[in-house]
Amino acid sequence: MAERHQFAIRDEFIRLDQFLKFCGLAETGGHAKEIVAEGACFVNGELCMMRGKKLRPGDVVTVDDLILEVTAQ
């Protein structure tokens, strides 16, 4: 069963690699890059290989069994 979490951002958007660090999934930018390069990230149900993808409130990132929703603060 997938875990669902919400993470509030202050700005208009956050880049995918920054979001992975913000959520605690990646320890460093390099680790975030590896996660994306491995094809483990889905944004709104579509495979995303762009670590600089801009995420806005309402977007949903899925990594393995984790569902991470971007919300506005």
PDB file of N, CA and C in Angstrom:
ATOM      1  N   MET A   1       0.837  -1.181   0.000  1.00  0.00           N
ATOM      2  CA  MET A   1       0.000   0.000   0.000  1.00  0.00           C
ATOM      3  C   MET A   1       0.883   1.245   0.000  1.00  0.00           C
ATOM      4  N   ALA A   2       0.545   2.187  -0.848  1.00  0.00           N
ATOM      5  CA  ALA A   2       1.341   3.399  -1.006  1.00  0.00           C
ATOM      6  C   ALA A   2       1.099   4.376   0.142  1.00  0.00           C
ATOM      7  N   GLU A   3       2.173   5.028   0.552  1.00  0.00           N
ATOM      8  CA  GLU A   3       2.075   6.084   1.561  1.00  0.00           C
ATOM      9  C   GLU A   3       1.878   7.408   0.853  1.00  0.00           C
ATOM     10  N   ARG A   4       0.988   8.240   1.372  1.00  0.00           N
ATOM     11  CA  ARG A   4       0.727   9.548   0.766  1.00  0.00           C
ATOM     12  C   ARG A   4       1.134  10.642   1.751  1.00  0.00           C
ATOM     13  N   HIS A   5       1.903  11.599   1.247  1.00  0.00           N
ATOM     14  CA  HIS A   5       2.369  12.710   2.068  1.00  0.00           C
ATOM     15  C   HIS A   5       2.182  14.009   1.295  1.00  0.00           C
ATOM     16  N   GLN A   6       1.976  15.100   2.033  1.00  0.00           N
ATOM     17  CA  GLN A   6       1.862  16.421   1.414  1.00  0.00           C
ATOM     18  C   GLN A   6       3.022  17.284   1.887  1.00  0.00           C
ATOM     19  N   PHE A   7       3.577  18.053   0.955  1.00  0.00           N
ATOM     20  CA  PHE A   7       4.677  18.952   1.265  1.00  0.00           C
ATOM     21  C   PHE A   7       4.347  20.329   0.718  1.00  0.00           C
ATOM     22  N   ALA A   8       4.318  21.312   1.601  1.00  0.00           N
ATOM     23  CA  ALA A   8       3.970  22.683   1.214  1.00  0.00           C
ATOM     24  C   ALA A   8       5.221  23.446   0.790  1.00  0.00           C
ATOM     25  N   ILE A   9       5.120  24.140  -0.331  1.00  0.00           N
ATOM     26  CA  ILE A   9       6.223  24.977  -0.806  1.00  0.00           C
ATOM     27  C   ILE A   9       5.814  26.447  -0.695  1.00  0.00           C
ATOM     28  N   ARG A  10       6.802  27.309  -0.511  1.00  0.00           N
ATOM     29  CA  ARG A  10       6.547  28.738  -0.364  1.00  0.00           C
ATOM     30  C   ARG A  10       6.517  29.468  -1.702  1.00  0.00           C
ATOM     31  N   ASP A  11       7.320  28.988  -2.632  1.00  0.00           N
ATOM     32  CA  ASP A  11       7.453  29.662  -3.915  1.00  0.00           C
ATOM     33  C   ASP A  11       6.429  29.159  -4.926  1.00  0.00           C
ATOM     34  N   GLU A  12       6.464  29.753  -6.117  1.00  0.00           N
ATOM     35  CA  GLU A  12       5.546  29.375  -7.192  1.00  0.00           C
ATOM     36  C   GLU A  12       5.796  27.940  -7.654  1.00  0.00           C
ATOM     37  N   PHE A  13       7.083  27.537  -7.641  1.00  0.00           N
ATOM     38  CA  PHE A  13       7.444  26.182  -8.064  1.00  0.00           C
ATOM     39  C   PHE A  13       8.697  25.740  -7.329  1.00  0.00           C
ATOM     40  N   ILE A  14       8.988  24.432  -7.437  1.00  0.00           N
ATOM     41  CA  ILE A  14      10.220  23.848  -6.924  1.00  0.00           C
ATOM     42  C   ILE A  14      10.677  22.827  -7.958  1.00  0.00           C
ATOM     43  N   ARG A  15      11.980  22.755  -8.188  1.00  0.00           N
ATOM     44  CA  ARG A  15      12.498  21.771  -9.148  1.00  0.00           C
ATOM     45  C   ARG A  15      12.436  20.375  -8.539  1.00  0.00           C
ATOM     46  N   LEU A  16      12.269  19.383  -9.390  1.00  0.00           N
ATOM     47  CA  LEU A  16      12.118  17.995  -8.936  1.00  0.00           C
ATOM     48  C   LEU A  16      13.273  17.564  -8.042  1.00  0.00           C
ATOM     49  N   ASP A  17      14.514  17.856  -8.436  1.00  0.00           N
ATOM     50  CA  ASP A  17      15.651  17.419  -7.618  1.00  0.00           C
ATOM     51  C   ASP A  17      15.637  18.100  -6.245  1.00  0.00           C
ATOM     52  N   GLN A  18      15.256  19.375  -6.209  1.00  0.00           N
ATOM     53  CA  GLN A  18      15.148  20.079  -4.932  1.00  0.00           C
ATOM     54  C   GLN A  18      14.018  19.487  -4.083  1.00  0.00           C
ATOM     55  N   PHE A  19      12.933  19.128  -4.733  1.00  0.00           N
ATOM     56  CA  PHE A  19      11.789  18.550  -4.025  1.00  0.00           C
ATOM     57  C   PHE A  19      12.161  17.214  -3.378  1.00  0.00           C
ATOM     58  N   LEU A  20      12.937  16.394  -4.089  1.00  0.00           N
ATOM     59  CA  LEU A  20      13.354  15.107  -3.539  1.00  0.00           C
ATOM     60  C   LEU A  20      14.213  15.301  -2.289  1.00  0.00           C
ATOM     61  N   LYS A  21      15.053  16.328  -2.290  1.00  0.00           N
ATOM     62  CA  LYS A  21      15.848  16.637  -1.101  1.00  0.00           C
ATOM     63  C   LYS A  21      14.949  17.193   0.010  1.00  0.00           C
ATOM     64  N   PHE A  22      14.038  18.085  -0.357  1.00  0.00           N
ATOM     65  CA  PHE A  22      13.114  18.710   0.591  1.00  0.00           C
ATOM     66  C   PHE A  22      12.281  17.650   1.320  1.00  0.00           C
ATOM     67  N   CYS A  23      11.875  16.628   0.596  1.00  0.00           N
ATOM     68  CA  CYS A  23      11.046  15.557   1.167  1.00  0.00           C
ATOM     69  C   CYS A  23      11.856  14.552   1.980  1.00  0.00           C
ATOM     70  N   GLY A  24      13.172  14.602   1.856  1.00  0.00           N
ATOM     71  CA  GLY A  24      14.024  13.674   2.578  1.00  0.00           C
ATOM     72  C   GLY A  24      14.312  12.385   1.839  1.00  0.00           C
ATOM     73  N   LEU A  25      13.885  12.300   0.573  1.00  0.00           N
ATOM     74  CA  LEU A  25      14.157  11.093  -0.218  1.00  0.00           C
ATOM     75  C   LEU A  25      15.591  11.042  -0.708  1.00  0.00           C
ATOM     76  N   ALA A  26      16.182  12.215  -0.932  1.00  0.00           N
ATOM     77  CA  ALA A  26      17.559  12.293  -1.407  1.00  0.00           C
ATOM     78  C   ALA A  26      18.378  13.075  -0.380  1.00  0.00           C
ATOM     79  N   GLU A  27      19.587  12.590  -0.122  1.00  0.00           N
ATOM     80  CA  GLU A  27      20.446  13.260   0.847  1.00  0.00           C
ATOM     81  C   GLU A  27      21.190  14.430   0.218  1.00  0.00           C
ATOM     82  N   THR A  28      21.507  14.300  -1.075  1.00  0.00           N
ATOM     83  CA  THR A  28      22.270  15.330  -1.781  1.00  0.00           C
ATOM     84  C   THR A  28      21.679  15.543  -3.170  1.00  0.00           C
ATOM     85  N   GLY A  29      22.147  16.588  -3.828  1.00  0.00           N
ATOM     86  CA  GLY A  29      21.722  16.822  -5.201  1.00  0.00           C
ATOM     87  C   GLY A  29      22.129  15.688  -6.121  1.00  0.00           C
ATOM     88  N   GLY A  30      23.305  15.123  -5.869  1.00  0.00           N
ATOM     89  CA  GLY A  30      23.771  13.991  -6.671  1.00  0.00           C
ATOM     90  C   GLY A  30      22.890  12.773  -6.492  1.00  0.00           C
ATOM     91  N   HIS A  31      22.455  12.542  -5.267  1.00  0.00           N
ATOM     92  CA  HIS A  31      21.563  11.416  -4.983  1.00  0.00           C
ATOM     93  C   HIS A  31      20.225  11.629  -5.690  1.00  0.00           C
ATOM     94  N   ALA A  32      19.713  12.869  -5.652  1.00  0.00           N
ATOM     95  CA  ALA A  32      18.451  13.186  -6.338  1.00  0.00           C
ATOM     96  C   ALA A  32      18.594  12.943  -7.839  1.00  0.00           C
ATOM     97  N   LYS A  33      19.740  13.325  -8.384  1.00  0.00           N
ATOM     98  CA  LYS A  33      19.997  13.122  -9.819  1.00  0.00           C
ATOM     99  C   LYS A  33      19.959  11.626 -10.160  1.00  0.00           C
ATOM    100  N   GLU A  34      20.543  10.805  -9.305  1.00  0.00           N
ATOM    101  CA  GLU A  34      20.538   9.350  -9.515  1.00  0.00           C
ATOM    102  C   GLU A  34      19.122   8.787  -9.498  1.00  0.00           C
ATOM    103  N   ILE A  35      18.312   9.229  -8.533  1.00  0.00           N
ATOM    104  CA  ILE A  35      16.935   8.741  -8.426  1.00  0.00           C
ATOM    105  C   ILE A  35      16.169   9.031  -9.712  1.00  0.00           C
ATOM    106  N   VAL A  36      16.328  10.244 -10.231  1.00  0.00           N
ATOM    107  CA  VAL A  36      15.633  10.637 -11.463  1.00  0.00           C
ATOM    108  C   VAL A  36      16.190   9.860 -12.656  1.00  0.00           C
ATOM    109  N   ALA A  37      17.528   9.740 -12.741  1.00  0.00           N
ATOM    110  CA  ALA A  37      18.169   9.050 -13.861  1.00  0.00           C
ATOM    111  C   ALA A  37      17.803   7.569 -13.915  1.00  0.00           C
ATOM    112  N   GLU A  38      17.493   6.969 -12.771  1.00  0.00           N
ATOM    113  CA  GLU A  38      17.119   5.552 -12.713  1.00  0.00           C
ATOM    114  C   GLU A  38      15.695   5.310 -13.208  1.00  0.00           C
ATOM    115  N   GLY A  39      14.965   6.395 -13.466  1.00  0.00           N
ATOM    116  CA  GLY A  39      13.588   6.250 -13.938  1.00  0.00           C
ATOM    117  C   GLY A  39      12.628   5.899 -12.819  1.00  0.00           C
ATOM    118  N   ALA A  40      12.956   6.337 -11.601  1.00  0.00           N
ATOM    119  CA  ALA A  40      12.130   5.994 -10.442  1.00  0.00           C
ATOM    120  C   ALA A  40      11.065   7.045 -10.129  1.00  0.00           C
ATOM    121  N   CYS A  41      11.088   8.187 -10.844  1.00  0.00           N
ATOM    122  CA  CYS A  41      10.158   9.286 -10.537  1.00  0.00           C
ATOM    123  C   CYS A  41       9.051   9.401 -11.579  1.00  0.00           C
ATOM    124  N   PHE A  42       7.851   9.521 -11.082  1.00  0.00           N
ATOM    125  CA  PHE A  42       6.697   9.792 -11.927  1.00  0.00           C
ATOM    126  C   PHE A  42       6.070  11.091 -11.445  1.00  0.00           C
ATOM    127  N   VAL A  43       5.781  11.985 -12.377  1.00  0.00           N
ATOM    128  CA  VAL A  43       5.117  13.247 -12.044  1.00  0.00           C
ATOM    129  C   VAL A  43       3.748  13.224 -12.700  1.00  0.00           C
ATOM    130  N   ASN A  44       2.721  13.320 -11.885  1.00  0.00           N
ATOM    131  CA  ASN A  44       1.339  13.266 -12.362  1.00  0.00           C
ATOM    132  C   ASN A  44       1.081  12.028 -13.225  1.00  0.00           C
ATOM    133  N   GLY A  45       1.674  10.909 -12.793  1.00  0.00           N
ATOM    134  CA  GLY A  45       1.440   9.629 -13.458  1.00  0.00           C
ATOM    135  C   GLY A  45       2.307   9.338 -14.661  1.00  0.00           C
ATOM    136  N   GLU A  46       3.191  10.288 -15.050  1.00  0.00           N
ATOM    137  CA  GLU A  46       4.058  10.089 -16.217  1.00  0.00           C
ATOM    138  C   GLU A  46       5.514  10.021 -15.772  1.00  0.00           C
ATOM    139  N   LEU A  47       6.269   9.092 -16.356  1.00  0.00           N
ATOM    140  CA  LEU A  47       7.691   8.968 -16.064  1.00  0.00           C
ATOM    141  C   LEU A  47       8.377  10.300 -16.341  1.00  0.00           C
ATOM    142  N   CYS A  48       9.197  10.750 -15.401  1.00  0.00           N
ATOM    143  CA  CYS A  48       9.900  12.025 -15.565  1.00  0.00           C
ATOM    144  C   CYS A  48      11.399  11.790 -15.407  1.00  0.00           C
ATOM    145  N   MET A  49      12.150  12.120 -16.448  1.00  0.00           N
ATOM    146  CA  MET A  49      13.596  11.964 -16.425  1.00  0.00           C
ATOM    147  C   MET A  49      14.308  13.319 -16.346  1.00  0.00           C
ATOM    148  N   MET A  50      13.554  14.389 -16.125  1.00  0.00           N
ATOM    149  CA  MET A  50      14.125  15.736 -16.055  1.00  0.00           C
ATOM    150  C   MET A  50      14.232  16.168 -14.598  1.00  0.00           C
ATOM    151  N   ARG A  51      15.449  16.214 -14.083  1.00  0.00           N
ATOM    152  CA  ARG A  51      15.604  16.575 -12.669  1.00  0.00           C
ATOM    153  C   ARG A  51      15.241  18.028 -12.405  1.00  0.00           C
ATOM    154  N   GLY A  52      15.239  18.874 -13.444  1.00  0.00           N
ATOM    155  CA  GLY A  52      14.894  20.275 -13.302  1.00  0.00           C
ATOM    156  C   GLY A  52      13.418  20.563 -13.551  1.00  0.00           C
ATOM    157  N   LYS A  53      12.608  19.525 -13.686  1.00  0.00           N
ATOM    158  CA  LYS A  53      11.166  19.688 -13.924  1.00  0.00           C
ATOM    159  C   LYS A  53      10.575  20.581 -12.836  1.00  0.00           C
ATOM    160  N   LYS A  54       9.833  21.596 -13.249  1.00  0.00           N
ATOM    161  CA  LYS A  54       9.213  22.514 -12.286  1.00  0.00           C
ATOM    162  C   LYS A  54       7.918  21.904 -11.761  1.00  0.00           C
ATOM    163  N   LEU A  55       7.855  21.779 -10.450  1.00  0.00           N
ATOM    164  CA  LEU A  55       6.664  21.260  -9.788  1.00  0.00           C
ATOM    165  C   LEU A  55       5.915  22.422  -9.159  1.00  0.00           C
ATOM    166  N   ARG A  56       4.623  22.422  -9.336  1.00  0.00           N
ATOM    167  CA  ARG A  56       3.774  23.465  -8.778  1.00  0.00           C
ATOM    168  C   ARG A  56       2.729  22.827  -7.868  1.00  0.00           C
ATOM    169  N   PRO A  57       2.119  23.620  -6.971  1.00  0.00           N
ATOM    170  CA  PRO A  57       1.069  23.055  -6.112  1.00  0.00           C
ATOM    171  C   PRO A  57       0.015  22.315  -6.941  1.00  0.00           C
ATOM    172  N   GLY A  58      -0.333  21.128  -6.476  1.00  0.00           N
ATOM    173  CA  GLY A  58      -1.277  20.282  -7.200  1.00  0.00           C
ATOM    174  C   GLY A  58      -0.591  19.130  -7.912  1.00  0.00           C
ATOM    175  N   ASP A  59       0.721  19.267  -8.168  1.00  0.00           N
ATOM    176  CA  ASP A  59       1.460  18.181  -8.814  1.00  0.00           C
ATOM    177  C   ASP A  59       1.670  17.044  -7.818  1.00  0.00           C
ATOM    178  N   VAL A  60       1.732  15.824  -8.356  1.00  0.00           N
ATOM    179  CA  VAL A  60       1.923  14.635  -7.525  1.00  0.00           C
ATOM    180  C   VAL A  60       3.139  13.872  -8.042  1.00  0.00           C
ATOM    181  N   VAL A  61       4.080  13.619  -7.152  1.00  0.00           N
ATOM    182  CA  VAL A  61       5.299  12.877  -7.489  1.00  0.00           C
ATOM    183  C   VAL A  61       5.192  11.499  -6.845  1.00  0.00           C
ATOM    184  N   THR A  62       5.457  10.461  -7.630  1.00  0.00           N
ATOM    185  CA  THR A  62       5.437   9.089  -7.114  1.00  0.00           C
ATOM    186  C   THR A  62       6.830   8.494  -7.258  1.00  0.00           C
ATOM    187  N   VAL A  63       7.365   7.982  -6.152  1.00  0.00           N
ATOM    188  CA  VAL A  63       8.657   7.300  -6.144  1.00  0.00           C
ATOM    189  C   VAL A  63       8.448   6.014  -5.362  1.00  0.00           C
ATOM    190  N   ASP A  64       8.604   4.893  -6.043  1.00  0.00           N
ATOM    191  CA  ASP A  64       8.353   3.591  -5.429  1.00  0.00           C
ATOM    192  C   ASP A  64       6.940   3.565  -4.838  1.00  0.00           C
ATOM    193  N   ASP A  65       6.823   3.329  -3.531  1.00  0.00           N
ATOM    194  CA  ASP A  65       5.508   3.255  -2.886  1.00  0.00           C
ATOM    195  C   ASP A  65       5.130   4.554  -2.184  1.00  0.00           C
ATOM    196  N   LEU A  66       5.808   5.648  -2.531  1.00  0.00           N
ATOM    197  CA  LEU A  66       5.520   6.937  -1.912  1.00  0.00           C
ATOM    198  C   LEU A  66       4.810   7.863  -2.890  1.00  0.00           C
ATOM    199  N   ILE A  67       3.742   8.470  -2.427  1.00  0.00           N
ATOM    200  CA  ILE A  67       3.017   9.457  -3.225  1.00  0.00           C
ATOM    201  C   ILE A  67       3.201  10.792  -2.501  1.00  0.00           C
ATOM    202  N   LEU A  68       3.840  11.746  -3.189  1.00  0.00           N
ATOM    203  CA  LEU A  68       4.196  13.021  -2.585  1.00  0.00           C
ATOM    204  C   LEU A  68       3.457  14.134  -3.319  1.00  0.00           C
ATOM    205  N   GLU A  69       2.574  14.809  -2.621  1.00  0.00           N
ATOM    206  CA  GLU A  69       1.783  15.865  -3.234  1.00  0.00           C
ATOM    207  C   GLU A  69       2.360  17.233  -2.887  1.00  0.00           C
ATOM    208  N   VAL A  70       2.522  18.075  -3.909  1.00  0.00           N
ATOM    209  CA  VAL A  70       3.013  19.428  -3.708  1.00  0.00           C
ATOM    210  C   VAL A  70       1.813  20.319  -3.387  1.00  0.00           C
ATOM    211  N   THR A  71       1.895  21.046  -2.269  1.00  0.00           N
ATOM    212  CA  THR A  71       0.825  21.958  -1.888  1.00  0.00           C
ATOM    213  C   THR A  71       1.410  23.358  -1.680  1.00  0.00           C
ATOM    214  N   ALA A  72       0.542  24.354  -1.668  1.00  0.00           N
ATOM    215  CA  ALA A  72       0.982  25.730  -1.415  1.00  0.00           C
ATOM    216  C   ALA A  72       0.969  25.988   0.083  1.00  0.00           C
ATOM    217  N   GLN A  73       1.894  26.824   0.523  1.00  0.00           N
ATOM    218  CA  GLN A  73       1.959  27.148   1.947  1.00  0.00           C
ATOM    219  C   GLN A  73       1.070  28.308   2.267  1.00  0.00           C
TER     220      GLN A  73
END
